[in-house]
Amino acid sequence: MDYSILFEAARPLWWVLPLLVLLGILKSRWFKGMFGEAFVKLIAKVRLPADEYRGVHNVTLPTPDGTTQIDHVLVSRYGIFVIETKHMAGWIFGSERQAQWTQKLYRKSFKFQNPLRQNYKHLKALEALLDVPPDTLHSLVVFSGSAVFKTSMPENVTIGGGYVRYIKSFREPVLTQAQVEQVLESITTGRLAPTRDTHRQHVKQLKARFESSSDRTCPKCGSVMVLRTSNRGANAGNRFWGCSAYPKCREVRDAA
């Protein structure tokens, strides 16, 4: 068989495979997270004076149960701002005290951990590292992407560049310039090296925590919850706990 004929016929479609690879990357959880973090970092660089607000990004700190990873820390005389980013689409429902928030995409709903609770662990890790009063640390959650809040959110939960307004609302100095420098030095020396290996180890520890929780039961029907990975839509690549009784029971819980 003359394969050259098939090769010549397929040549005009050479661009299809790279396009499919690119689309896969753009839809991946890794890219969405990276894009959201880059967006927040860019907004801070453009809209916050560099001589007043000093940023440290992708900070991995050791904790008693492994590690915790902080997206952004902005240090200033007006406080230390700890930022958790969420690059999500759809309608977002939640309140400060709810353990789980809801993302609604078209007719589907997905549960995810209250990001304020997630960021609380980041604050406690920084508090253990830094010799500063706890009230100088401020938690922020920033949603990027096309997310729309459908319930009233606390003022420290924002969409897009709205978080800058919240940061600028703190105008009373609580740290001296010397303390700012000391905080930056402590974070730099106390963090784990910002390398790919550090990130891999952090992800590995997260997976181990997920697997150790395999005995959890569905809060709606009592069946065993199973760790799954979303294969489509805006949450493609995200891990979640799904009820083993699906499709009879469609209860899901965030695995983050």
Protein backbone atom coordinates (compact mmCIF):
# COMPACT_ATOMS: atom_id res chain seq x y z
CA MET A 1 0.00 0.00 0.00
CA ASP A 2 1.30 3.43 -0.91
CA TYR A 3 1.18 5.38 2.36
CA SER A 4 2.43 8.51 0.64
CA ILE A 5 -1.09 9.06 -0.71
CA LEU A 6 -2.50 9.07 2.84
CA PHE A 7 0.31 11.37 3.97
CA GLU A 8 -0.41 13.87 1.21
CA ALA A 9 -4.14 13.77 1.98
CA ALA A 10 -3.52 14.44 5.68
CA ARG A 11 -0.94 17.19 5.15
CA PRO A 12 -3.50 20.06 4.99
CA LEU A 13 -4.71 19.01 8.48
CA TRP A 14 -1.27 19.19 10.16
CA TRP A 15 -2.50 22.00 12.40
CA VAL A 16 -5.33 19.96 13.98
CA LEU A 17 -3.17 18.02 16.46
CA PRO A 18 -1.33 21.07 17.85
CA LEU A 19 -4.68 22.85 18.15
CA LEU A 20 -6.17 19.97 20.13
CA VAL A 21 -3.14 19.95 22.44
CA LEU A 22 -3.44 23.71 22.95
CA LEU A 23 -7.17 23.44 23.71
CA GLY A 24 -6.42 20.70 26.24
CA ILE A 25 -3.87 22.93 27.98
CA LEU A 26 -6.23 25.93 28.04
CA LYS A 27 -8.96 23.82 29.66
CA SER A 28 -6.65 22.21 32.21
CA ARG A 29 -6.88 22.97 35.91
CA TRP A 30 -3.17 23.87 35.88
CA PHE A 31 -3.60 26.58 33.22
CA LYS A 32 -6.73 28.03 34.82
CA GLY A 33 -4.99 28.32 38.15
CA MET A 34 -1.88 29.83 36.57
CA PHE A 35 -3.96 32.34 34.58
CA GLY A 36 -5.94 33.43 37.64
CA GLU A 37 -2.80 33.93 39.72
CA ALA A 38 -1.06 35.83 36.90
CA PHE A 39 -4.11 38.10 36.54
CA VAL A 40 -4.14 39.02 40.23
CA LYS A 41 -0.38 39.59 40.21
CA LEU A 42 -0.63 41.89 37.17
CA ILE A 43 -3.45 43.96 38.68
CA ALA A 44 -1.44 44.44 41.88
CA LYS A 45 1.60 45.53 39.89
CA VAL A 46 -0.39 48.05 37.87
CA ARG A 47 -2.71 49.50 40.51
CA LEU A 48 -0.76 49.30 43.79
CA PRO A 49 2.33 51.48 44.31
CA ALA A 50 5.41 49.25 44.28
CA ASP A 51 7.11 51.28 46.99
CA GLU A 52 4.17 50.71 49.38
CA TYR A 53 3.09 47.14 48.58
CA ARG A 54 5.66 44.36 48.21
CA GLY A 55 4.51 41.04 46.79
CA VAL A 56 5.67 37.49 47.41
CA HIS A 57 3.94 34.91 45.23
CA ASN A 58 3.44 31.14 45.21
CA VAL A 59 4.54 30.72 48.81
CA THR A 60 4.70 27.13 50.10
CA LEU A 61 5.04 26.84 53.87
CA PRO A 62 5.50 23.74 56.03
CA THR A 63 2.59 22.85 58.33
CA PRO A 64 2.07 20.14 60.96
CA ASP A 65 0.19 17.98 58.41
CA GLY A 66 2.43 18.66 55.39
CA THR A 67 2.48 21.94 53.48
CA THR A 68 0.16 24.76 52.50
CA GLN A 69 0.47 26.88 49.37
CA ILE A 70 -0.40 30.59 49.31
CA ASP A 71 -1.06 32.27 45.97
CA HIS A 72 -0.06 35.83 46.93
CA VAL A 73 1.15 37.75 49.96
CA LEU A 74 1.22 41.56 49.74
CA VAL A 75 3.17 43.23 52.54
CA SER A 76 2.76 46.90 53.42
CA ARG A 77 2.79 49.26 56.40
CA TYR A 78 -1.01 48.96 56.33
CA GLY A 79 -1.02 45.21 56.87
CA ILE A 80 -0.23 41.85 55.33
CA PHE A 81 -2.75 40.78 52.71
CA VAL A 82 -3.07 37.04 52.05
CA ILE A 83 -4.79 36.32 48.74
CA GLU A 84 -6.44 33.12 47.54
CA THR A 85 -7.39 33.12 43.85
CA LYS A 86 -10.22 31.19 42.20
CA HIS A 87 -10.44 31.14 38.39
CA MET A 88 -14.03 30.02 37.86
CA ALA A 89 -17.02 30.54 35.59
CA GLY A 90 -20.75 30.51 36.24
CA TRP A 91 -22.87 31.62 39.18
CA ILE A 92 -21.33 31.46 42.66
CA PHE A 93 -23.47 31.00 45.76
CA GLY A 94 -22.11 31.11 49.31
CA SER A 95 -21.79 32.89 52.62
CA GLU A 96 -19.02 33.49 55.11
CA ARG A 97 -20.13 30.71 57.47
CA GLN A 98 -21.01 28.00 54.95
CA ALA A 99 -18.52 25.13 54.75
CA GLN A 100 -19.32 24.53 51.08
CA TRP A 101 -20.08 27.03 48.33
CA THR A 102 -21.87 26.24 45.08
CA GLN A 103 -20.88 26.88 41.48
CA LYS A 104 -23.73 26.65 38.99
CA LEU A 105 -22.87 26.13 35.32
CA TYR A 106 -25.93 25.99 33.11
CA ARG A 107 -28.02 23.17 34.63
CA LYS A 108 -25.21 21.61 36.66
CA SER A 109 -24.14 22.49 40.19
CA PHE A 110 -20.79 21.79 41.84
CA LYS A 111 -19.78 22.11 45.48
CA PHE A 112 -16.40 23.50 46.51
CA GLN A 113 -14.77 24.36 49.80
CA ASN A 114 -15.47 27.81 51.20
CA PRO A 115 -12.31 29.63 50.04
CA LEU A 116 -12.33 31.81 53.16
CA ARG A 117 -11.88 28.66 55.24
CA GLN A 118 -9.18 27.49 52.86
CA ASN A 119 -7.37 30.82 53.24
CA TYR A 120 -7.71 30.67 57.03
CA LYS A 121 -5.13 27.88 57.05
CA HIS A 122 -2.80 30.11 55.04
CA LEU A 123 -3.19 32.91 57.58
CA LYS A 124 -2.45 30.58 60.50
CA ALA A 125 0.67 29.28 58.75
CA LEU A 126 1.92 32.84 58.22
CA GLU A 127 0.98 33.79 61.77
CA ALA A 128 3.15 30.93 63.05
CA LEU A 129 6.05 32.10 60.90
CA LEU A 130 5.89 35.85 61.48
CA ASP A 131 6.38 37.80 64.69
CA VAL A 132 3.48 40.22 64.10
CA PRO A 133 0.07 40.78 65.75
CA PRO A 134 -2.67 38.56 64.21
CA ASP A 135 -4.82 41.59 63.37
CA THR A 136 -2.21 42.79 60.88
CA LEU A 137 -3.03 39.80 58.65
CA HIS A 138 -5.97 40.18 56.25
CA SER A 139 -7.63 37.42 54.19
CA LEU A 140 -8.81 38.07 50.63
CA VAL A 141 -10.41 35.80 48.06
CA VAL A 142 -10.30 36.94 44.43
CA PHE A 143 -12.39 35.31 41.70
CA SER A 144 -11.14 35.73 38.16
CA GLY A 145 -12.76 34.42 34.98
CA SER A 146 -16.46 34.93 34.27
CA ALA A 147 -17.75 34.15 37.77
CA VAL A 148 -20.84 36.05 38.94
CA PHE A 149 -21.85 36.28 42.61
CA LYS A 150 -25.53 35.41 43.10
CA THR A 151 -25.50 35.89 46.87
CA SER A 152 -24.16 38.72 49.00
CA MET A 153 -20.45 38.20 49.70
CA PRO A 154 -18.21 39.55 52.47
CA GLU A 155 -16.24 42.63 51.42
CA ASN A 156 -13.01 40.64 51.32
CA VAL A 157 -14.38 38.34 48.59
CA THR A 158 -14.16 40.10 45.24
CA ILE A 159 -14.23 39.61 41.49
CA GLY A 160 -11.37 40.76 39.26
CA GLY A 161 -9.52 43.88 40.32
CA GLY A 162 -12.06 44.78 43.00
CA TYR A 163 -9.68 43.44 45.63
CA VAL A 164 -7.45 46.52 45.17
CA ARG A 165 -10.23 48.73 46.54
CA TYR A 166 -10.42 46.54 49.63
CA ILE A 167 -6.67 46.70 50.20
CA LYS A 168 -6.61 50.48 49.79
CA SER A 169 -9.35 50.83 52.41
CA PHE A 170 -6.68 50.12 55.05
CA ARG A 171 -4.93 53.48 55.50
CA GLU A 172 -3.79 53.32 59.12
CA PRO A 173 -0.14 52.12 59.37
CA VAL A 174 0.18 49.06 61.62
CA LEU A 175 3.77 48.10 60.77
CA THR A 176 6.93 50.15 60.60
CA GLN A 177 9.07 50.03 57.48
CA ALA A 178 11.61 47.99 59.45
CA GLN A 179 8.88 45.47 60.33
CA VAL A 180 7.83 45.28 56.67
CA GLU A 181 11.40 44.38 55.72
CA GLN A 182 11.56 41.81 58.52
CA VAL A 183 8.30 40.19 57.37
CA LEU A 184 9.58 39.92 53.81
CA GLU A 185 12.84 38.42 55.06
CA SER A 186 11.00 35.89 57.25
CA ILE A 187 8.77 34.77 54.36
CA THR A 188 11.74 34.49 51.99
CA THR A 189 13.77 32.39 54.41
CA GLY A 190 10.83 30.42 55.84
CA ARG A 191 9.21 29.35 52.59
CA LEU A 192 10.14 26.19 50.73
CA ALA A 193 12.07 26.75 47.51
CA PRO A 194 9.63 27.87 44.75
CA THR A 195 10.54 25.01 42.44
CA ARG A 196 8.63 22.47 40.40
CA ASP A 197 9.71 19.75 42.81
CA THR A 198 8.23 21.66 45.77
CA HIS A 199 4.94 21.98 43.90
CA ARG A 200 4.95 18.27 43.01
CA GLN A 201 5.53 17.31 46.64
CA HIS A 202 2.70 19.60 47.74
CA VAL A 203 0.31 18.05 45.21
CA LYS A 204 1.41 14.57 46.31
CA GLN A 205 0.58 15.40 49.93
CA LEU A 206 -2.83 16.75 48.90
CA LYS A 207 -3.58 13.53 47.04
CA ALA A 208 -2.56 11.51 50.08
CA ARG A 209 -5.02 13.50 52.20
CA PHE A 210 -7.77 12.88 49.65
CA GLU A 211 -7.13 9.14 49.62
CA SER A 212 -6.98 8.93 53.41
CA SER A 213 -10.52 10.35 53.45
CA SER A 214 -11.93 7.53 51.28
CA ASP A 215 -14.23 6.38 54.07
CA ARG A 216 -16.43 9.50 53.87
CA THR A 217 -20.14 9.06 53.26
CA CYS A 218 -22.65 11.06 51.25
CA PRO A 219 -24.44 13.63 53.44
CA LYS A 220 -27.60 13.26 51.36
CA CYS A 221 -28.12 9.49 51.06
CA GLY A 222 -25.41 7.89 53.22
CA SER A 223 -23.63 6.06 50.37
CA VAL A 224 -19.84 5.99 50.05
CA MET A 225 -18.28 9.04 48.38
CA VAL A 226 -15.84 8.25 45.56
CA LEU A 227 -12.92 10.44 44.45
CA ARG A 228 -13.42 11.35 40.78
CA THR A 229 -11.98 13.70 38.14
CA SER A 230 -14.15 15.95 35.97
CA ASN A 231 -13.57 15.30 32.25
CA ARG A 232 -15.52 18.12 30.66
CA GLY A 233 -16.77 21.67 31.02
CA ALA A 234 -15.21 24.56 32.94
CA ASN A 235 -14.11 22.17 35.73
CA ALA A 236 -12.25 19.72 33.48
CA GLY A 237 -9.34 18.21 35.39
CA ASN A 238 -10.71 19.13 38.83
CA ARG A 239 -10.96 16.36 41.41
CA PHE A 240 -14.14 16.01 43.43
CA TRP A 241 -15.97 13.60 45.70
CA GLY A 242 -19.02 12.13 44.00
CA CYS A 243 -21.71 9.89 45.47
CA SER A 244 -21.29 6.22 44.52
CA ALA A 245 -25.08 6.05 44.03
CA TYR A 246 -24.86 8.32 40.97
CA PRO A 247 -27.02 8.96 38.92
CA LYS A 248 -29.70 8.27 41.53
CA CYS A 249 -27.89 10.65 43.89
CA ARG A 250 -25.90 13.52 42.35
CA GLU A 251 -24.33 14.89 45.51
CA VAL A 252 -20.74 16.18 45.04
CA ARG A 253 -18.15 17.71 47.35
CA ASP A 254 -15.00 19.65 46.54
CA ALA A 255 -11.73 17.75 47.02
CA ALA A 256 -9.55 20.88 47.49
